[in-house]
Protein backbone atom coordinates (compact mmCIF):
# COMPACT_ATOMS: atom_id res chain seq x y z
CA MET A 1 -31.98 -53.31 24.46
CA ARG A 2 -30.60 -53.58 27.69
CA LYS A 3 -29.17 -51.06 29.67
CA TYR A 4 -25.10 -51.27 31.61
CA LEU A 5 -23.74 -48.68 33.92
CA PHE A 6 -20.63 -48.66 31.67
CA ASN A 7 -21.26 -49.28 28.03
CA PHE A 8 -18.46 -48.29 25.89
CA ALA A 9 -18.01 -47.78 21.81
CA GLN A 10 -17.43 -50.60 19.97
CA GLU A 11 -14.94 -48.63 17.73
CA GLY A 12 -12.85 -48.26 21.11
CA LYS A 13 -13.23 -51.77 22.53
CA LYS A 14 -9.90 -53.09 21.08
CA LEU A 15 -8.08 -50.33 22.59
CA ILE A 16 -9.70 -50.18 25.73
CA LEU A 17 -8.02 -53.64 25.87
CA VAL A 18 -4.51 -53.13 25.51
CA THR A 19 -4.12 -50.47 27.89
CA MET A 20 -5.50 -52.63 30.45
CA SER A 21 -3.74 -55.62 29.19
CA LEU A 22 -0.58 -53.38 29.64
CA SER A 23 -1.53 -52.13 32.98
CA ILE A 24 -2.12 -55.60 34.36
CA LEU A 25 1.28 -56.57 32.96
CA SER A 26 3.13 -53.47 34.13
CA LEU A 27 2.20 -54.40 37.48
CA LEU A 28 3.02 -58.06 37.60
CA LEU A 29 6.41 -57.33 36.37
CA TYR A 30 6.90 -55.01 38.82
CA TYR A 31 5.94 -57.41 41.65
CA GLN A 32 8.49 -59.73 39.84
CA PHE A 33 11.09 -58.01 39.90
CA GLU A 34 10.66 -54.92 41.66
CA TYR A 35 12.03 -52.37 39.21
CA SER A 36 10.57 -48.78 39.68
CA VAL A 37 10.35 -48.90 35.78
CA PHE A 38 7.75 -51.18 35.67
CA LEU A 39 5.52 -49.27 38.49
CA THR A 40 5.79 -45.70 36.23
CA SER A 41 4.64 -48.00 33.24
CA PHE A 42 1.68 -48.94 35.56
CA TYR A 43 0.71 -45.86 36.73
CA MET A 44 1.15 -44.12 33.07
CA GLN A 45 -0.77 -47.49 31.45
CA THR A 46 -3.59 -47.06 34.17
CA PHE A 47 -4.19 -43.13 33.06
CA TYR A 48 -4.23 -44.34 29.43
CA PHE A 49 -6.92 -46.75 30.06
CA LEU A 50 -9.33 -44.27 32.19
CA VAL A 51 -9.00 -41.64 29.92
CA CYS A 52 -9.42 -44.52 27.24
CA CYS A 53 -12.86 -45.76 29.04
CA PHE A 54 -14.10 -41.74 29.45
CA PHE A 55 -13.43 -41.12 26.21
CA PHE A 56 -14.93 -44.65 24.38
CA ARG A 57 -18.29 -44.11 26.64
CA ASP A 58 -21.75 -44.99 24.86
CA PRO A 59 -24.67 -44.35 26.33
CA VAL A 60 -27.73 -45.64 25.29
CA ARG A 61 -30.02 -42.65 23.76
CA GLU A 62 -33.64 -43.77 22.87
CA ILE A 63 -35.86 -41.91 21.40
CA LYS A 64 -39.15 -40.16 23.13
CA SER A 65 -42.15 -40.90 21.01
CA SER A 66 -42.88 -37.33 21.32
CA ASP A 67 -39.47 -37.00 19.57
CA GLU A 68 -39.91 -39.33 16.91
CA ASN A 69 -40.80 -36.97 14.19
CA LYS A 70 -38.59 -34.16 14.89
CA PHE A 71 -34.76 -33.42 12.99
CA LEU A 72 -32.64 -34.05 16.35
CA SER A 73 -28.70 -33.57 17.14
CA PRO A 74 -26.65 -36.32 15.66
CA ALA A 75 -23.65 -35.44 17.75
CA ASP A 76 -22.87 -33.80 21.42
CA GLY A 77 -21.08 -30.32 21.74
CA THR A 78 -21.64 -26.74 21.26
CA VAL A 79 -22.82 -24.66 18.12
CA LEU A 80 -20.22 -22.73 16.42
CA TYR A 81 -22.34 -20.84 14.32
CA VAL A 82 -25.06 -21.26 12.02
CA LYS A 83 -24.58 -20.10 8.77
CA ASP A 84 -25.61 -19.92 4.99
CA ILE A 85 -23.93 -21.53 2.05
CA GLU A 86 -24.19 -23.31 -1.22
CA ASP A 87 -24.28 -27.26 -1.47
CA PRO A 88 -23.97 -29.05 -4.57
CA ASP A 89 -26.90 -31.26 -3.53
CA ILE A 90 -28.51 -29.12 -1.82
CA GLY A 91 -28.43 -25.87 -3.31
CA ASN A 92 -29.33 -22.62 -1.03
CA ALA A 93 -28.59 -24.32 2.55
CA LYS A 94 -27.94 -23.76 6.05
CA LYS A 95 -24.60 -25.27 7.75
CA ILE A 96 -25.08 -26.06 11.63
CA ALA A 97 -21.52 -26.26 12.64
CA ILE A 98 -20.76 -27.92 16.26
CA PHE A 99 -17.69 -28.63 17.68
CA LEU A 100 -16.58 -32.04 20.26
CA SER A 101 -14.56 -30.92 22.60
CA PHE A 102 -12.52 -33.63 24.42
CA PHE A 103 -15.25 -34.21 26.89
CA ASN A 104 -18.18 -34.81 25.01
CA VAL A 105 -19.58 -38.25 23.55
CA HIS A 106 -18.01 -38.73 20.65
CA ARG A 107 -20.65 -41.31 18.90
CA GLN A 108 -23.39 -39.56 16.17
CA TRP A 109 -26.74 -40.62 15.38
CA VAL A 110 -29.19 -40.18 12.51
CA PRO A 111 -31.20 -36.93 13.16
CA SER A 112 -34.16 -37.90 11.13
CA ASP A 113 -36.02 -41.09 9.21
CA SER A 114 -33.94 -41.06 5.63
CA LYS A 115 -32.05 -43.13 3.21
CA VAL A 116 -28.81 -42.39 2.93
CA LEU A 117 -27.74 -41.45 -0.44
CA ASN A 118 -23.82 -41.34 -0.89
CA THR A 119 -21.15 -41.23 1.09
CA HIS A 120 -17.82 -39.57 0.52
CA TYR A 121 -14.80 -40.18 2.48
CA ASN A 122 -11.66 -37.57 2.12
CA PRO A 123 -8.61 -38.48 3.66
CA GLY A 124 -7.41 -34.58 4.68
CA LYS A 125 -5.16 -32.97 6.88
CA TYR A 126 -5.41 -32.12 10.75
CA PHE A 127 -5.88 -28.64 11.59
CA ILE A 128 -7.80 -27.98 15.37
CA ALA A 129 -11.61 -28.65 14.63
CA PHE A 130 -13.29 -25.46 15.55
CA LYS A 131 -11.00 -23.53 12.88
CA ASP A 132 -13.70 -22.86 9.66
CA LYS A 133 -10.14 -24.56 7.47
CA ALA A 134 -10.98 -27.89 9.20
CA SER A 135 -14.54 -28.02 7.42
CA LEU A 136 -12.76 -28.12 3.57
CA ASP A 137 -9.16 -29.21 4.53
CA ASN A 138 -9.24 -31.82 7.31
CA GLU A 139 -10.14 -35.31 7.32
CA HIS A 140 -13.70 -35.97 6.76
CA THR A 141 -16.66 -37.97 5.86
CA SER A 142 -19.52 -36.44 4.31
CA ILE A 143 -22.93 -38.50 4.10
CA LEU A 144 -26.17 -37.01 1.55
CA PHE A 145 -29.36 -38.13 3.21
CA LYS A 146 -33.26 -37.52 2.04
CA ASP A 147 -35.77 -38.12 3.76
CA SER A 148 -39.44 -39.45 2.89
CA HIS A 149 -40.63 -35.81 2.21
CA ASP A 150 -37.36 -35.39 -0.41
CA ASN A 151 -35.64 -33.27 2.13
CA ARG A 152 -32.01 -33.36 1.42
CA PHE A 153 -29.33 -32.95 4.11
CA ARG A 154 -25.91 -33.75 4.94
CA ILE A 155 -23.85 -34.79 7.77
CA LYS A 156 -20.19 -34.18 7.71
CA GLN A 157 -18.14 -36.26 10.71
CA ILE A 158 -14.61 -34.00 10.42
CA ALA A 159 -11.83 -34.75 12.35
CA GLY A 160 -9.50 -32.81 14.58
CA PHE A 161 -6.09 -32.05 14.94
CA VAL A 162 -5.83 -35.17 17.50
CA ALA A 163 -8.75 -36.94 15.59
CA ARG A 164 -7.24 -38.69 12.95
CA ARG A 165 -9.60 -42.27 13.03
CA ILE A 166 -13.00 -41.27 11.96
CA VAL A 167 -15.68 -44.25 11.41
CA ASN A 168 -18.78 -44.11 9.34
CA HIS A 169 -21.45 -46.99 9.61
CA MET A 170 -23.61 -45.82 6.67
CA LYS A 171 -23.92 -47.40 2.89
CA PRO A 172 -25.51 -45.74 0.14
CA GLU A 173 -29.37 -46.78 -0.13
CA LEU A 174 -29.21 -47.86 3.28
CA ASP A 175 -32.53 -47.14 5.03
CA VAL A 176 -32.32 -45.47 8.56
CA LYS A 177 -34.19 -44.61 11.24
CA ILE A 178 -34.15 -41.90 13.77
CA GLY A 179 -31.58 -42.35 16.60
CA GLN A 180 -29.33 -45.18 14.91
CA LYS A 181 -25.65 -45.20 15.30
CA LEU A 182 -24.37 -43.03 12.61
CA GLY A 183 -20.41 -43.29 13.61
CA PHE A 184 -17.91 -42.47 15.53
CA ILE A 185 -14.96 -39.93 15.54
CA LYS A 186 -11.86 -40.65 17.83
CA PHE A 187 -11.01 -37.43 19.82
CA GLY A 188 -11.63 -33.89 19.43
CA SER A 189 -13.52 -33.00 16.42
CA ARG A 190 -16.18 -31.30 14.87
CA VAL A 191 -20.12 -32.38 12.97
CA GLU A 192 -21.43 -30.41 10.35
CA ILE A 193 -25.50 -30.00 9.49
CA VAL A 194 -26.37 -28.88 6.20
CA VAL A 195 -30.36 -28.45 5.78
CA PRO A 196 -32.15 -26.83 2.80
CA ASN A 197 -32.65 -23.04 3.36
CA THR A 198 -36.11 -23.30 4.21
CA PHE A 199 -35.56 -25.48 7.10
CA ASP A 200 -36.26 -23.75 10.34
CA VAL A 201 -33.05 -23.65 12.47
CA SER A 202 -33.84 -23.86 16.28
CA VAL A 203 -29.95 -23.12 17.72
CA LYS A 204 -27.57 -20.63 17.93
CA LYS A 205 -23.95 -20.43 18.21
CA GLY A 206 -23.06 -21.48 22.02
CA ASP A 207 -26.14 -23.57 22.48
CA LYS A 208 -25.14 -26.56 23.85
CA VAL A 209 -26.61 -29.41 22.53
CA ARG A 210 -27.03 -33.44 22.82
CA GLY A 211 -27.33 -35.61 20.71
CA CYS A 212 -30.73 -37.86 20.14
CA ARG A 213 -31.85 -34.96 22.92
CA THR A 214 -31.67 -31.43 21.25
CA VAL A 215 -34.00 -30.27 18.84
CA LEU A 216 -31.99 -28.46 15.65
CA GLY A 217 -35.17 -27.40 14.32
CA GLN A 218 -37.94 -28.94 11.49
CA PHE A 219 -38.45 -28.78 7.79
CA LYS A 220 -41.00 -26.80 5.88
CA ASN A 221 -43.14 -29.92 4.55
């Protein structure tokens, strides 16, 4: 895979192109008519363009050979909590919640070689992503996976107060590889990982994690 100094997410390229075009247009209009409103527009559109470039950065994360059989974090961010829950498809389970601030990369990756069993999208509301009710009430996508040892796990992409667009690349019956692009959440958001309660979690509240880099833990089998 070729590496670029600046790699942008496909999900944001249209917005980047629009803001860049408006910035250039504003500058051309200013030079043509010399109205201050066009200069102000140029500054504003340039600012939006730079924000979009920063937000939609999409780093290449190659999986180290030593991590190929591990369960890696599907996202960058900060661990909000690890707690016991009951999941309808997994049973007694543990939930790891990761908060993605505006400054984190908002790409999500597949954490382990597995097969997609099903996906569910809920339009929902837009509470602040680090609040507990965001997990149930906010716009979210839930994806259920199963690995080669029949271990089931769930990944939830949850929109935040600003984010109102979740992109999910997963489809039922799809075989996926660790490090494969799972999706993208536009602007502040949250990702949750639900695993069986026998899963040995190696992170805790407050830990900083990186997608395709931080080991979240391992299954017992």
